[in-house]
Amino acid sequence: MKRPTIDEIAERRLGEMGADERAEYDEGREAVELAFQIGDAIRGLRETAGLSQRALALRMHTSQAQVARIEAGVVAATLTTLQRAARALGFVLNVDFIKRPQVRSPARVD
């Protein structure tokens, strides 16, 4: 018998979720994806600037381990931390609010 892949397990599990559980899952996934995107952006800027994680950490007044966690997307950095990172890299932090595409909800049955 063939062992299922992680993607197959995840797909099956997502299909079994109710609407509320799926909404909670989607919200958590969005947060994780955002942390990864931010970490990737900081890593790219740091590497372009020719800085090590330690050098960036010194400029931010934090630890190298904290910079590593942010870049890996393991932690959701606070706005204050993101401002310190931007400043240390010679940038200004800019936050945009973009309207989310409207998703059609299934019809309610009472």
C-alpha atoms as a PDB file:
ATOM      1  CA  MET A   1       0.000   0.000   0.000  1.00  0.00           C
ATOM      2  CA  LYS A   2       1.352   3.408  -1.012  1.00  0.00           C
ATOM      3  CA  ARG A   3       1.931   5.871   1.806  1.00  0.00           C
ATOM      4  CA  PRO A   4       0.142   9.230   1.278  1.00  0.00           C
ATOM      5  CA  THR A   5       2.218  12.385   0.833  1.00  0.00           C
ATOM      6  CA  ILE A   6       1.924  15.352   3.186  1.00  0.00           C
ATOM      7  CA  ASP A   7       0.110  17.281   0.436  1.00  0.00           C
ATOM      8  CA  GLU A   8      -2.418  14.469   0.036  1.00  0.00           C
ATOM      9  CA  ILE A   9      -3.001  14.340   3.785  1.00  0.00           C
ATOM     10  CA  ALA A  10      -3.403  18.117   3.957  1.00  0.00           C
ATOM     11  CA  GLU A  11      -5.810  18.141   0.999  1.00  0.00           C
ATOM     12  CA  ARG A  12      -7.928  15.408   2.572  1.00  0.00           C
ATOM     13  CA  ARG A  13      -7.941  17.174   5.958  1.00  0.00           C
ATOM     14  CA  LEU A  14      -8.910  20.510   4.402  1.00  0.00           C
ATOM     15  CA  GLY A  15     -11.791  18.805   2.613  1.00  0.00           C
ATOM     16  CA  GLU A  16     -13.069  17.449   5.941  1.00  0.00           C
ATOM     17  CA  MET A  17     -13.121  20.868   7.657  1.00  0.00           C
ATOM     18  CA  GLY A  18     -16.306  22.726   8.338  1.00  0.00           C
ATOM     19  CA  ALA A  19     -16.660  26.368   7.288  1.00  0.00           C
ATOM     20  CA  ASP A  20     -15.634  27.806  10.678  1.00  0.00           C
ATOM     21  CA  GLU A  21     -12.629  25.516  11.026  1.00  0.00           C
ATOM     22  CA  ARG A  22     -11.549  26.305   7.451  1.00  0.00           C
ATOM     23  CA  ALA A  23     -11.822  30.062   8.076  1.00  0.00           C
ATOM     24  CA  GLU A  24      -9.630  29.688  11.173  1.00  0.00           C
ATOM     25  CA  TYR A  25      -7.120  27.618   9.204  1.00  0.00           C
ATOM     26  CA  ASP A  26      -7.023  30.160   6.367  1.00  0.00           C
ATOM     27  CA  GLU A  27      -6.447  33.010   8.824  1.00  0.00           C
ATOM     28  CA  GLY A  28      -3.546  31.166  10.451  1.00  0.00           C
ATOM     29  CA  ARG A  29      -2.041  30.299   7.086  1.00  0.00           C
ATOM     30  CA  GLU A  30      -2.249  33.952   6.013  1.00  0.00           C
ATOM     31  CA  ALA A  31      -0.318  34.994   9.120  1.00  0.00           C
ATOM     32  CA  VAL A  32       2.379  32.392   8.464  1.00  0.00           C
ATOM     33  CA  GLU A  33       2.675  33.385   4.803  1.00  0.00           C
ATOM     34  CA  LEU A  34       3.017  37.059   5.784  1.00  0.00           C
ATOM     35  CA  ALA A  35       5.772  36.238   8.287  1.00  0.00           C
ATOM     36  CA  PHE A  36       7.633  34.302   5.566  1.00  0.00           C
ATOM     37  CA  GLN A  37       7.236  37.149   3.041  1.00  0.00           C
ATOM     38  CA  ILE A  38       8.512  39.723   5.521  1.00  0.00           C
ATOM     39  CA  GLY A  39      11.430  37.510   6.531  1.00  0.00           C
ATOM     40  CA  ASP A  40      12.337  36.909   2.907  1.00  0.00           C
ATOM     41  CA  ALA A  41      12.225  40.654   2.174  1.00  0.00           C
ATOM     42  CA  ILE A  42      14.470  41.475   5.134  1.00  0.00           C
ATOM     43  CA  ARG A  43      16.932  38.746   4.172  1.00  0.00           C
ATOM     44  CA  GLY A  44      17.051  40.037   0.591  1.00  0.00           C
ATOM     45  CA  LEU A  45      17.675  43.615   1.698  1.00  0.00           C
ATOM     46  CA  ARG A  46      20.317  42.492   4.199  1.00  0.00           C
ATOM     47  CA  GLU A  47      22.150  40.411   1.605  1.00  0.00           C
ATOM     48  CA  THR A  48      21.975  43.225  -0.963  1.00  0.00           C
ATOM     49  CA  ALA A  49      23.485  45.551   1.646  1.00  0.00           C
ATOM     50  CA  GLY A  50      26.281  43.020   2.183  1.00  0.00           C
ATOM     51  CA  LEU A  51      25.478  42.630   5.871  1.00  0.00           C
ATOM     52  CA  SER A  52      25.659  39.519   7.991  1.00  0.00           C
ATOM     53  CA  GLN A  53      22.818  38.702  10.363  1.00  0.00           C
ATOM     54  CA  ARG A  54      25.097  39.739  13.218  1.00  0.00           C
ATOM     55  CA  ALA A  55      25.871  43.116  11.630  1.00  0.00           C
ATOM     56  CA  LEU A  56      22.161  43.779  11.058  1.00  0.00           C
ATOM     57  CA  ALA A  57      21.392  42.717  14.624  1.00  0.00           C
ATOM     58  CA  LEU A  58      23.950  45.192  15.970  1.00  0.00           C
ATOM     59  CA  ARG A  59      22.382  47.992  13.937  1.00  0.00           C
ATOM     60  CA  MET A  60      18.919  46.981  15.200  1.00  0.00           C
ATOM     61  CA  HIS A  61      20.053  46.608  18.834  1.00  0.00           C
ATOM     62  CA  THR A  62      18.881  43.010  18.944  1.00  0.00           C
ATOM     63  CA  SER A  63      20.430  39.547  18.741  1.00  0.00           C
ATOM     64  CA  GLN A  64      21.590  37.640  15.687  1.00  0.00           C
ATOM     65  CA  ALA A  65      19.223  34.841  16.739  1.00  0.00           C
ATOM     66  CA  GLN A  66      16.262  37.237  16.586  1.00  0.00           C
ATOM     67  CA  VAL A  67      17.251  38.361  13.074  1.00  0.00           C
ATOM     68  CA  ALA A  68      17.529  34.689  12.052  1.00  0.00           C
ATOM     69  CA  ARG A  69      14.050  33.933  13.449  1.00  0.00           C
ATOM     70  CA  ILE A  70      12.548  36.915  11.610  1.00  0.00           C
ATOM     71  CA  GLU A  71      14.233  36.003   8.328  1.00  0.00           C
ATOM     72  CA  ALA A  72      13.074  32.388   8.659  1.00  0.00           C
ATOM     73  CA  GLY A  73       9.478  33.530   9.208  1.00  0.00           C
ATOM     74  CA  VAL A  74       9.399  31.734  12.555  1.00  0.00           C
ATOM     75  CA  VAL A  75       8.241  34.812  14.463  1.00  0.00           C
ATOM     76  CA  ALA A  76       5.798  37.546  13.574  1.00  0.00           C
ATOM     77  CA  ALA A  77       7.887  40.677  14.037  1.00  0.00           C
ATOM     78  CA  THR A  78       6.263  43.683  15.687  1.00  0.00           C
ATOM     79  CA  LEU A  79       5.933  46.950  13.810  1.00  0.00           C
ATOM     80  CA  THR A  80       8.603  48.426  16.083  1.00  0.00           C
ATOM     81  CA  THR A  81      11.021  45.635  15.141  1.00  0.00           C
ATOM     82  CA  LEU A  82      10.221  46.069  11.455  1.00  0.00           C
ATOM     83  CA  GLN A  83      10.854  49.822  11.760  1.00  0.00           C
ATOM     84  CA  ARG A  84      14.230  49.124  13.385  1.00  0.00           C
ATOM     85  CA  ALA A  85      15.102  46.674  10.593  1.00  0.00           C
ATOM     86  CA  ALA A  86      14.082  49.155   7.901  1.00  0.00           C
ATOM     87  CA  ARG A  87      16.077  51.948   9.520  1.00  0.00           C
ATOM     88  CA  ALA A  88      19.125  49.682   9.959  1.00  0.00           C
ATOM     89  CA  LEU A  89      18.961  48.796   6.254  1.00  0.00           C
ATOM     90  CA  GLY A  90      18.489  52.404   5.115  1.00  0.00           C
ATOM     91  CA  PHE A  91      14.790  52.124   4.359  1.00  0.00           C
ATOM     92  CA  VAL A  92      11.511  53.485   5.685  1.00  0.00           C
ATOM     93  CA  LEU A  93       8.801  50.991   6.629  1.00  0.00           C
ATOM     94  CA  ASN A  94       5.607  51.488   4.631  1.00  0.00           C
ATOM     95  CA  VAL A  95       2.404  49.602   5.454  1.00  0.00           C
ATOM     96  CA  ASP A  96      -0.384  49.356   2.881  1.00  0.00           C
ATOM     97  CA  PHE A  97      -3.932  48.157   3.342  1.00  0.00           C
ATOM     98  CA  ILE A  98      -5.176  46.492   0.179  1.00  0.00           C
ATOM     99  CA  LYS A  99      -8.793  45.494  -0.287  1.00  0.00           C
ATOM    100  CA  ARG A 100      -9.181  41.750  -0.178  1.00  0.00           C
ATOM    101  CA  PRO A 101     -10.891  40.147  -3.176  1.00  0.00           C
ATOM    102  CA  GLN A 102     -14.433  39.258  -2.202  1.00  0.00           C
ATOM    103  CA  VAL A 103     -14.932  35.560  -1.693  1.00  0.00           C
ATOM    104  CA  ARG A 104     -18.414  34.229  -2.204  1.00  0.00           C
ATOM    105  CA  SER A 105     -19.766  32.565   0.915  1.00  0.00           C
ATOM    106  CA  PRO A 106     -21.864  29.457   0.618  1.00  0.00           C
ATOM    107  CA  ALA A 107     -25.560  30.123   1.025  1.00  0.00           C
ATOM    108  CA  ARG A 108     -26.799  29.768   4.602  1.00  0.00           C
ATOM    109  CA  VAL A 109     -29.403  27.187   5.304  1.00  0.00           C
ATOM    110  CA  ASP A 110     -31.390  27.813   8.479  1.00  0.00           C
END
